[in-house]
Protein backbone atom coordinates (compact mmCIF):
# COMPACT_ATOMS: atom_id res chain seq x y z
CA UNK A 1 110.36 73.11 97.85
CA UNK A 2 108.46 70.14 96.45
CA UNK A 3 108.10 67.30 98.89
CA UNK A 4 108.04 63.70 97.94
CA UNK A 5 104.62 62.68 96.32
CA UNK A 6 103.07 59.19 95.70
CA UNK A 7 103.96 57.90 92.23
CA UNK A 8 103.23 59.14 89.66
CA UNK A 9 104.57 62.62 90.90
CA UNK A 10 102.19 65.31 90.70
CA UNK A 11 103.56 68.32 92.59
CA UNK A 12 101.30 71.07 93.68
CA UNK A 13 100.99 74.25 91.69
CA UNK A 14 102.35 77.29 93.50
CA UNK A 15 104.37 80.34 92.81
CA UNK A 16 107.92 79.56 93.91
CA UNK A 17 109.63 81.88 96.47
CA UNK A 18 110.96 84.90 95.41
CA UNK A 19 109.35 84.81 91.98
CA UNK A 20 105.66 85.91 92.81
CA UNK A 21 103.97 88.54 90.65
CA UNK A 22 102.78 91.78 92.42
CA UNK A 23 99.24 91.86 93.52
CA UNK A 24 96.69 93.92 91.57
CA UNK A 25 94.93 96.40 93.86
CA UNK A 26 92.11 98.74 92.78
CA UNK A 27 89.63 100.82 94.57
CA UNK A 28 86.76 102.64 92.84
CA UNK A 29 88.01 105.42 90.50
CA UNK A 30 91.71 104.48 90.96
CA UNK A 31 94.04 103.07 88.39
CA UNK A 32 95.11 99.54 88.86
CA UNK A 33 98.84 99.24 90.23
CA UNK A 34 101.06 96.46 90.89
CA UNK A 35 102.23 96.16 94.48
CA UNK A 36 104.50 93.62 96.30
CA UNK A 37 102.61 90.79 97.91
CA UNK A 38 104.38 91.60 101.15
CA UNK A 39 104.23 87.96 102.29
CA UNK A 40 106.61 87.52 105.11
CA UNK A 41 109.74 85.63 104.11
CA UNK A 42 109.15 85.89 100.55
CA UNK A 43 112.77 86.59 99.55
CA UNK A 44 114.34 84.96 102.82
CA UNK A 45 117.66 83.11 102.40
CA UNK A 46 118.74 80.67 105.14
CA UNK A 47 121.55 78.29 106.12
CA UNK A 48 120.57 74.47 105.99
CA UNK A 49 122.40 71.19 107.17
CA UNK A 50 121.63 68.08 104.97
CA UNK A 51 122.37 64.60 106.25
CA UNK A 52 123.20 63.06 102.92
CA UNK A 53 124.17 59.53 103.60
CA UNK A 54 124.53 56.93 106.37
CA UNK A 55 127.14 54.46 104.87
CA UNK A 56 125.69 51.50 106.66
CA UNK A 57 122.03 52.58 106.07
CA UNK A 58 122.03 54.26 102.51
CA UNK A 59 118.36 53.10 101.91
CA UNK A 60 117.01 55.09 104.89
CA UNK A 61 117.40 58.25 102.87
CA UNK A 62 118.65 61.78 103.59
CA UNK A 63 117.28 64.47 105.92
CA UNK A 64 117.52 68.35 105.93
CA UNK A 65 117.34 70.99 108.87
CA UNK A 66 116.86 74.74 108.28
CA UNK A 67 119.24 76.67 110.60
CA UNK A 68 117.50 80.08 110.54
CA UNK A 69 117.06 80.61 114.34
CA UNK A 70 119.64 77.91 115.33
CA UNK A 71 122.72 79.13 117.20
CA UNK A 72 124.21 75.60 117.77
CA UNK A 73 123.93 72.18 116.35
CA UNK A 74 125.13 69.16 118.48
CA UNK A 75 125.90 66.02 116.63
CA UNK A 76 126.29 62.49 118.07
CA UNK A 77 125.38 58.81 118.23
CA UNK A 78 121.93 57.84 119.39
CA UNK A 79 119.66 54.73 119.42
CA UNK A 80 117.82 56.09 116.37
CA UNK A 81 117.86 59.01 114.02
CA UNK A 82 115.97 61.80 115.58
CA UNK A 83 116.42 65.48 116.19
CA UNK A 84 114.95 68.03 118.53
CA UNK A 85 115.29 71.76 119.11
CA UNK A 86 114.59 74.30 121.85
CA UNK A 87 114.79 77.12 119.29
CA UNK A 88 118.40 77.97 119.68
CA UNK A 89 120.12 74.52 120.05
CA UNK A 90 119.44 71.66 117.59
CA UNK A 91 120.37 68.17 118.68
CA UNK A 92 120.70 65.57 116.15
CA UNK A 93 121.28 61.86 116.92
CA UNK A 94 122.30 59.34 114.46
CA UNK A 95 122.48 55.42 114.92
CA UNK A 96 126.12 55.26 113.75
CA UNK A 97 128.41 53.05 115.66
CA UNK A 98 131.45 54.85 114.32
CA UNK A 99 130.25 58.19 115.84
CA UNK A 100 130.90 59.24 119.44
CA UNK A 101 127.96 60.16 121.56
CA UNK A 102 129.08 63.76 121.53
CA UNK A 103 131.04 63.88 118.21
CA UNK A 104 130.90 67.48 116.98
CA UNK A 105 129.16 70.94 117.17
CA UNK A 106 128.47 73.53 114.62
CA UNK A 107 128.13 76.95 116.10
CA UNK A 108 127.16 80.42 114.66
CA UNK A 109 129.83 82.93 115.67
CA UNK A 110 129.80 86.50 114.45
CA UNK A 111 128.02 85.45 111.24
CA UNK A 112 130.35 82.57 110.61
CA UNK A 113 129.58 78.89 111.13
CA UNK A 114 132.30 76.95 113.10
CA UNK A 115 132.44 73.10 113.26
CA UNK A 116 134.34 71.72 116.11
CA UNK A 117 135.33 68.15 116.97
CA UNK A 118 134.38 67.12 120.66
CA UNK A 119 137.35 64.94 121.13
CA UNK A 120 135.68 62.10 119.26
CA UNK A 121 137.34 58.88 118.75
CA UNK A 122 137.25 58.75 114.96
CA UNK A 123 137.68 62.66 114.45
CA UNK A 124 135.77 64.92 112.30
CA UNK A 125 136.60 65.20 108.57
CA UNK A 126 135.90 68.25 106.44
CA UNK A 127 136.09 67.73 102.71
CA UNK A 128 138.12 64.55 103.39
CA UNK A 129 140.59 66.36 105.82
CA UNK A 130 140.62 65.36 109.57
CA UNK A 131 140.48 68.63 111.46
CA UNK A 132 139.52 69.83 115.05
CA UNK A 133 137.97 73.03 113.95
CA UNK A 134 136.91 74.60 110.72
CA UNK A 135 134.85 77.52 109.36
CA UNK A 136 132.24 76.13 107.14
CA UNK A 137 131.73 77.39 103.53
CA UNK A 138 128.85 76.79 101.09
CA UNK A 139 128.74 73.12 100.13
CA UNK A 140 131.34 71.71 102.47
CA UNK A 141 131.06 68.13 103.34
CA UNK A 142 131.46 66.81 106.68
CA UNK A 143 132.11 63.14 107.75
CA UNK A 144 131.32 61.88 111.22
CA UNK A 145 132.05 58.30 111.55
CA UNK A 146 130.29 56.71 108.68
CA UNK A 147 127.93 59.51 108.18
CA UNK A 148 128.15 62.36 105.73
CA UNK A 149 126.52 65.72 106.00
CA UNK A 150 126.74 68.94 103.80
CA UNK A 151 126.46 72.42 105.00
CA UNK A 152 124.73 74.94 102.74
CA UNK A 153 124.99 78.52 103.71
CA UNK A 154 122.79 80.38 101.21
CA UNK A 155 119.66 78.63 100.08
CA UNK A 156 116.05 79.84 100.04
CA UNK A 157 114.22 79.30 103.37
CA UNK A 158 112.91 75.84 102.69
CA UNK A 159 109.81 74.51 104.37
CA UNK A 160 109.20 72.49 106.46
CA UNK A 161 112.07 73.45 108.65
CA UNK A 162 112.80 69.70 109.15
CA UNK A 163 112.49 67.15 106.42
CA UNK A 164 113.47 63.53 107.19
CA UNK A 165 113.06 60.67 104.61
CA UNK A 166 113.38 57.79 107.08
CA UNK A 167 111.29 54.86 106.38
CA UNK A 168 112.73 53.90 103.91
CA UNK A 169 110.55 56.52 101.88
CA UNK A 170 108.18 54.54 99.74
CA UNK A 171 106.98 57.79 97.96
CA UNK A 172 110.52 58.52 96.70
CA UNK A 173 110.60 58.41 92.86
CA UNK A 174 112.93 59.58 90.00
CA UNK A 175 111.26 63.10 90.09
CA UNK A 176 111.36 63.44 93.98
CA UNK A 177 113.55 66.50 94.86
CA UNK A 178 114.67 68.72 97.72
CA UNK A 179 116.25 71.12 95.22
CA UNK A 180 114.46 74.54 94.99
CA UNK A 181 115.62 75.01 91.41
CA UNK A 182 114.23 71.59 90.18
CA UNK A 183 111.07 71.96 92.37
CA UNK A 184 110.05 75.00 90.47
CA UNK A 185 110.41 73.07 87.05
CA UNK A 186 108.33 70.29 88.42
CA UNK A 187 105.72 72.73 89.52
CA UNK A 188 105.59 74.44 86.13
CA UNK A 189 105.42 71.05 84.37
CA UNK A 190 102.41 70.03 86.58
CA UNK A 191 100.72 73.32 85.77
CA UNK A 192 100.92 72.85 82.03
CA UNK A 193 100.34 69.11 81.95
CA UNK A 194 96.56 69.32 81.24
CA UNK A 195 96.77 71.92 78.60
CA UNK A 196 97.39 71.45 74.95
CA UNK A 197 100.37 73.81 74.75
CA UNK A 198 103.57 72.38 73.36
CA UNK A 199 106.40 71.94 75.92
CA UNK A 200 110.12 72.14 75.15
CA UNK A 201 112.34 70.43 77.52
CA UNK A 202 116.01 71.63 77.50
CA UNK A 203 119.06 70.29 79.40
CA UNK A 204 122.17 68.25 79.25
CA UNK A 205 121.90 64.55 78.28
CA UNK A 206 121.02 62.39 81.20
CA UNK A 207 119.11 65.08 83.18
CA UNK A 208 115.71 63.32 82.96
CA UNK A 209 114.02 64.87 80.08
CA UNK A 210 112.17 61.71 79.02
CA UNK A 211 111.21 60.99 82.58
CA UNK A 212 109.79 64.43 82.99
CA UNK A 213 108.01 63.94 79.55
CA UNK A 214 106.33 60.89 80.86
CA UNK A 215 105.23 62.62 84.07
CA UNK A 216 103.55 65.38 81.98
CA UNK A 217 101.73 62.82 79.94
CA UNK A 218 100.56 60.79 83.08
CA UNK A 219 99.26 64.05 84.58
CA UNK A 220 97.71 65.31 81.30
CA UNK A 221 94.61 63.08 81.54
CA UNK A 222 94.94 62.25 77.94
CA UNK A 223 93.46 58.81 76.96
CA UNK A 224 96.04 57.99 74.21
CA UNK A 225 99.57 56.77 74.40
CA UNK A 226 102.80 58.63 74.85
CA UNK A 227 104.97 57.79 71.70
CA UNK A 228 108.60 58.57 72.05
CA UNK A 229 110.65 59.34 68.89
CA UNK A 230 114.40 59.60 68.85
CA UNK A 231 114.88 62.20 66.15
CA UNK A 232 118.43 61.41 65.84
CA UNK A 233 118.16 57.59 65.40
CA UNK A 234 115.85 57.55 62.33
CA UNK A 235 117.75 57.21 59.02
CA UNK A 236 117.36 60.67 57.11
CA UNK A 237 115.86 59.00 54.19
CA UNK A 238 113.11 57.37 56.20
CA UNK A 239 112.34 60.33 58.66
CA UNK A 240 109.08 61.46 56.95
CA UNK A 241 107.77 57.88 56.27
CA UNK A 242 108.58 56.80 59.94
CA UNK A 243 106.90 60.01 61.49
CA UNK A 244 103.97 60.69 59.10
CA UNK A 245 103.33 57.17 57.78
CA UNK A 246 102.97 56.01 54.08
CA UNK A 247 100.76 54.43 51.74
CA UNK A 248 101.31 51.11 50.13
CA UNK A 249 103.55 51.43 47.07
CA UNK A 250 104.71 54.99 47.99
CA UNK A 251 108.29 53.92 47.71
CA UNK A 252 110.44 50.66 47.38
CA UNK A 253 109.63 48.44 50.23
CA UNK A 254 106.28 50.07 51.07
CA UNK A 255 104.21 46.88 50.93
CA UNK A 256 101.36 48.18 53.07
CA UNK A 257 99.91 51.15 54.55
CA UNK A 258 101.64 52.42 57.78
CA UNK A 259 100.18 54.96 60.18
CA UNK A 260 103.50 56.26 61.39
CA UNK A 261 104.60 57.57 64.80
CA UNK A 262 102.56 60.96 64.70
CA UNK A 263 99.31 59.10 64.05
CA UNK A 264 100.08 56.51 66.86
CA UNK A 265 100.19 59.33 69.38
CA UNK A 266 96.71 60.53 68.31
CA UNK A 267 94.82 61.53 71.55
CA UNK A 268 97.97 61.10 73.58
CA UNK A 269 101.50 62.82 73.72
CA UNK A 270 104.15 62.82 71.04
CA UNK A 271 107.46 62.99 72.58
CA UNK A 272 110.19 64.19 70.25
CA UNK A 273 113.60 63.54 71.84
CA UNK A 274 116.66 65.34 70.35
CA UNK A 275 114.36 67.62 68.17
CA UNK A 276 117.43 69.52 67.12
CA UNK A 277 118.60 66.50 65.04
CA UNK A 278 115.53 66.44 62.89
CA UNK A 279 116.44 67.14 59.10
CA UNK A 280 115.32 70.47 57.75
CA UNK A 281 113.07 68.75 55.08
CA UNK A 282 111.26 66.82 58.02
CA UNK A 283 111.04 70.23 59.95
CA UNK A 284 109.09 71.92 57.26
CA UNK A 285 106.65 68.98 57.01
CA UNK A 286 106.33 68.71 60.81
CA UNK A 287 105.63 72.47 60.96
CA UNK A 288 102.54 71.90 58.84
CA UNK A 289 101.38 69.16 61.08
CA UNK A 290 101.50 71.44 64.12
CA UNK A 291 99.92 74.32 62.26
CA UNK A 292 97.01 72.38 60.76
CA UNK A 293 96.59 69.39 63.37
CA UNK A 294 96.58 66.94 60.45
CA UNK A 295 99.20 64.67 58.92
CA UNK A 296 99.67 63.71 55.15
CA UNK A 297 101.15 60.14 54.77
CA UNK A 298 104.00 59.73 52.31
CA UNK A 299 102.21 58.81 49.11
CA UNK A 300 98.76 59.93 50.32
CA UNK A 301 96.61 62.54 48.79
CA UNK A 302 94.29 63.38 51.69
CA UNK A 303 95.36 64.79 55.14
CA UNK A 304 94.25 62.90 58.14
CA UNK A 305 93.09 64.92 61.24
CA UNK A 306 94.90 64.63 64.56
CA UNK A 307 94.30 65.34 68.32
CA UNK A 308 98.02 66.25 68.76
CA UNK A 309 99.88 67.16 71.95
CA UNK A 310 103.76 67.58 71.45
CA UNK A 311 106.52 67.54 74.01
CA UNK A 312 109.99 67.96 72.36
CA UNK A 313 113.49 67.81 74.13
CA UNK A 314 116.96 68.77 73.14
CA UNK A 315 120.43 69.27 74.69
CA UNK A 316 121.25 71.69 71.76
CA UNK A 317 120.89 75.47 71.80
CA UNK A 318 118.18 75.77 69.28
CA UNK A 319 118.30 79.52 69.06
CA UNK A 320 121.84 79.16 67.90
CA UNK A 321 120.90 76.38 65.40
CA UNK A 322 118.30 78.80 64.08
CA UNK A 323 121.10 81.40 63.64
CA UNK A 324 123.31 78.92 61.82
CA UNK A 325 120.40 77.76 59.73
CA UNK A 326 120.14 74.33 61.06
CA UNK A 327 116.68 74.75 62.61
CA UNK A 328 113.65 76.61 61.39
CA UNK A 329 112.77 79.55 63.47
CA UNK A 330 108.96 79.23 62.72
CA UNK A 331 109.27 75.57 64.05
CA UNK A 332 110.94 76.70 67.14
CA UNK A 333 108.17 79.19 67.78
CA UNK A 334 105.51 76.60 67.51
CA UNK A 335 107.53 74.18 69.97
CA UNK A 336 108.35 76.69 72.74
CA UNK A 337 104.94 77.32 73.99
CA UNK A 338 106.43 76.46 77.40
CA UNK A 339 110.19 76.01 77.81
CA UNK A 340 111.37 74.01 80.81
CA UNK A 341 115.33 73.87 81.48
CA UNK A 342 116.22 71.02 83.41
CA UNK A 343 119.30 71.55 85.73
CA UNK A 344 122.42 69.45 85.58
CA UNK A 345 122.74 67.11 88.49
CA UNK A 346 125.88 69.09 89.63
CA UNK A 347 123.36 72.14 90.08
CA UNK A 348 121.11 70.11 92.19
CA UNK A 349 123.67 68.05 94.17
CA UNK A 350 121.30 67.96 97.14
CA UNK A 351 119.22 65.42 95.13
CA UNK A 352 121.98 62.90 94.90
CA UNK A 353 121.40 60.99 98.04
CA UNK A 354 117.57 60.75 97.10
CA UNK A 355 118.51 59.51 93.64
CA UNK A 356 120.83 56.97 95.15
CA UNK A 357 117.96 55.49 97.19
CA UNK A 358 115.73 55.28 94.12
CA UNK A 359 118.43 53.72 91.95
CA UNK A 360 119.67 51.38 94.70
CA UNK A 361 116.11 50.03 95.35
CA UNK A 362 115.51 49.62 91.49
CA UNK A 363 118.84 47.92 90.71
CA UNK A 364 119.20 45.65 93.71
CA UNK A 365 115.71 44.92 95.40
CA UNK A 366 117.20 41.72 96.73
CA UNK A 367 119.85 43.78 98.77
CA UNK A 368 118.05 45.76 101.42
CA UNK A 369 121.46 45.73 103.49
CA UNK A 370 123.58 47.29 100.84
CA UNK A 371 126.28 49.37 102.47
CA UNK A 372 129.10 51.82 101.50
CA UNK A 373 132.64 52.17 102.49
CA UNK A 374 133.29 55.74 103.70
CA UNK A 375 135.91 56.17 100.87
CA UNK A 376 133.36 55.11 98.28
CA UNK A 377 130.63 57.30 99.69
CA UNK A 378 132.88 60.32 99.73
CA UNK A 379 133.92 59.62 96.13
CA UNK A 380 130.20 59.64 95.11
CA UNK A 381 129.18 62.64 96.98
CA UNK A 382 132.06 64.64 95.68
CA UNK A 383 131.85 63.75 92.11
CA UNK A 384 130.62 66.25 89.62
CA UNK A 385 128.52 64.03 87.47
CA UNK A 386 129.22 65.57 84.08
CA UNK A 387 126.86 62.80 82.42
CA UNK A 388 124.16 63.44 85.05
CA UNK A 389 121.71 61.00 86.39
CA UNK A 390 122.55 58.46 83.71
CA UNK A 391 126.21 58.34 84.90
CA UNK A 392 125.15 58.01 88.44
CA UNK A 393 123.05 55.03 87.56
CA UNK A 394 125.62 53.29 85.64
CA UNK A 395 128.13 53.88 88.37
CA UNK A 396 125.86 52.20 91.02
CA UNK A 397 124.94 49.42 88.61
CA UNK A 398 128.54 48.39 88.04
CA UNK A 399 129.38 48.82 91.82
CA UNK A 400 126.58 46.55 92.97
CA UNK A 401 127.78 43.94 90.44
CA UNK A 402 131.41 44.11 91.57
CA UNK A 403 130.79 44.24 95.33
CA UNK A 404 128.86 40.95 95.47
CA UNK A 405 127.34 40.71 98.92
CA UNK A 406 129.97 42.80 100.68
CA UNK A 407 129.92 46.78 101.01
CA UNK A 408 130.42 48.81 97.95
CA UNK A 409 134.26 49.89 98.07
CA UNK A 410 136.08 52.64 96.12
CA UNK A 411 137.57 49.88 94.01
CA UNK A 412 134.08 49.16 92.71
CA UNK A 413 133.50 52.57 91.39
CA UNK A 414 134.49 53.72 87.77
CA UNK A 415 137.92 55.37 87.55
CA UNK A 416 136.50 58.74 86.58
CA UNK A 417 134.34 58.85 89.73
CA UNK A 418 137.38 57.94 91.87
CA UNK A 419 139.95 60.24 90.39
CA UNK A 420 137.65 63.20 89.71
CA UNK A 421 138.92 63.09 86.06
CA UNK A 422 135.50 63.94 84.72
CA UNK A 423 134.73 63.09 81.04
CA UNK A 424 132.09 65.05 79.32
CA UNK A 425 131.25 65.74 75.69
CA UNK A 426 132.80 69.01 74.53
CA UNK A 427 130.40 71.94 74.58
CA UNK A 428 130.41 75.60 74.34
CA UNK A 429 130.35 77.57 77.57
CA UNK A 430 127.74 80.17 78.25
CA UNK A 431 128.68 83.72 78.93
CA UNK A 432 128.26 83.15 82.72
CA UNK A 433 130.42 80.07 82.51
CA UNK A 434 133.24 81.82 80.66
CA UNK A 435 133.11 84.64 83.29
CA UNK A 436 133.21 82.14 85.93
CA UNK A 437 136.16 80.26 84.51
CA UNK A 438 138.18 83.43 83.84
CA UNK A 439 137.65 84.49 87.54
CA UNK A 440 138.62 81.24 88.64
CA UNK A 441 141.91 81.10 86.64
CA UNK A 442 142.86 84.46 87.89
CA UNK A 443 142.35 83.57 91.45
CA UNK A 444 144.31 80.25 91.05
CA UNK A 445 147.09 82.25 89.43
CA UNK A 446 147.01 84.87 92.35
CA UNK A 447 147.17 81.97 94.90
CA UNK A 448 149.70 79.74 93.28
CA UNK A 449 147.02 77.04 92.46
CA UNK A 450 146.21 76.61 96.08
CA UNK A 451 142.58 75.24 95.94
CA UNK A 452 141.95 75.74 99.55
CA UNK A 453 142.94 79.51 99.47
CA UNK A 454 140.75 80.07 96.36
CA UNK A 455 137.77 78.29 98.30
CA UNK A 456 138.22 80.62 101.22
CA UNK A 457 138.12 83.56 98.97
CA UNK A 458 135.01 82.45 97.20
CA UNK A 459 133.44 81.27 100.41
CA UNK A 460 133.02 77.69 98.82
CA UNK A 461 134.12 74.25 99.79
CA UNK A 462 137.33 73.01 98.42
CA UNK A 463 135.30 70.17 96.80
CA UNK A 464 133.31 72.76 94.73
CA UNK A 465 136.48 74.42 93.46
CA UNK A 466 137.77 71.06 92.44
CA UNK A 467 134.56 70.29 90.63
CA UNK A 468 134.80 73.74 88.66
CA UNK A 469 138.48 73.02 87.86
CA UNK A 470 137.57 69.55 86.27
CA UNK A 471 134.47 71.04 84.54
CA UNK A 472 136.43 73.74 82.77
CA UNK A 473 139.59 71.68 82.18
CA UNK A 474 141.93 74.00 83.97
CA UNK A 475 145.52 72.92 84.50
CA UNK A 476 146.33 73.80 88.00
CA UNK A 477 149.78 72.66 87.89
CA UNK A 478 150.75 75.14 85.20
CA UNK A 479 149.28 77.92 87.36
CA UNK A 480 151.46 76.76 90.30
CA UNK A 481 154.47 77.26 88.18
């Protein structure tokens, strides 16, 4: 896991857990062979408990505890947020006036994790339902007073065992993460930052591709500027002139020489956003730029040398575009020196509380006392965020404006966040998503559309099943019939 770093983010380079190469071992006269590292815990998995949000202190930030050797967790109100462990029992205190001093426990029993309310005044809620006892599945959301925690049953054993972002955490930035999957991407980005190798960033819209590109450039040590180009926003008849520049008189309206965006990035980084939208004619010209490290302005007769480093980004499946004849296979081969696929926000949901800290502090620096009602917090933490970080930012921006000086209420949030009626651009499902959708429909039909029953079968939280139903557009009512 990558811990929070000072801005600009520069995560250490290391091999992620479970992906290390074997170690080459050779004695005199022996053939080299690959053997496992044998490092203790290399492939360990472990349960974790995340404190995601204190409604009355959202800027304090989240916390995380690894439960590998813990048999019992005691949760209750205290004067400050702190935790202590004797090895088997973990005691967590939270300064939440709506919590009881002894509010709830979570115990490991016969391989299961059971949460029990300790006769608290305001009850314990599991995925929004008040219960006295519940078996915890992966991703389940607990509400104690005005505090929300999430149980994860099967993550890589994250270090350190306890991570608390109290402070508020000044080092938290847009690329800070507690997600193992995203941490690996950031480490690979840091490892290639100082090289000239092209980098292709893939991921859905709003996942932070341009933010990561700027991080790569800032860590590269290159003296020139990063020049960002939205390939889909340039009129097709001007693409080559905008990218490669032009000479005076090259076409109607060319009243003077112009260097072009590629030349402007000389010695720096050229960021080609939505490279999949580049017209085929421009793709051919750009391929030559990459091959020869020189650019020919429109109307020119002599190429100009370049110190070029390219980072490209797309939400398209470029291999499919190649098969359909919409993208050149030789250009793709040049661009994908290193490919980094950014996970969707729903696939690193543990980062949502961290991102909320970053966004709230940027959007409303004059409101250090911003608060959430529990209903609003539950909606934000349960939403699937199909439009990713951009949607989260817009939701918080609108909520801050509508709430005035009071707490952010559920009425201040967009209807899609409140209702769970996710809207996302239509897209083709991967083979894995098709398999998951088919399995989900079969289970929903088998259990008469009962989401809770399906959640128990899959050992997931009911909230996660609701997210999948929304993502795949499944009509649960028809399956009940």
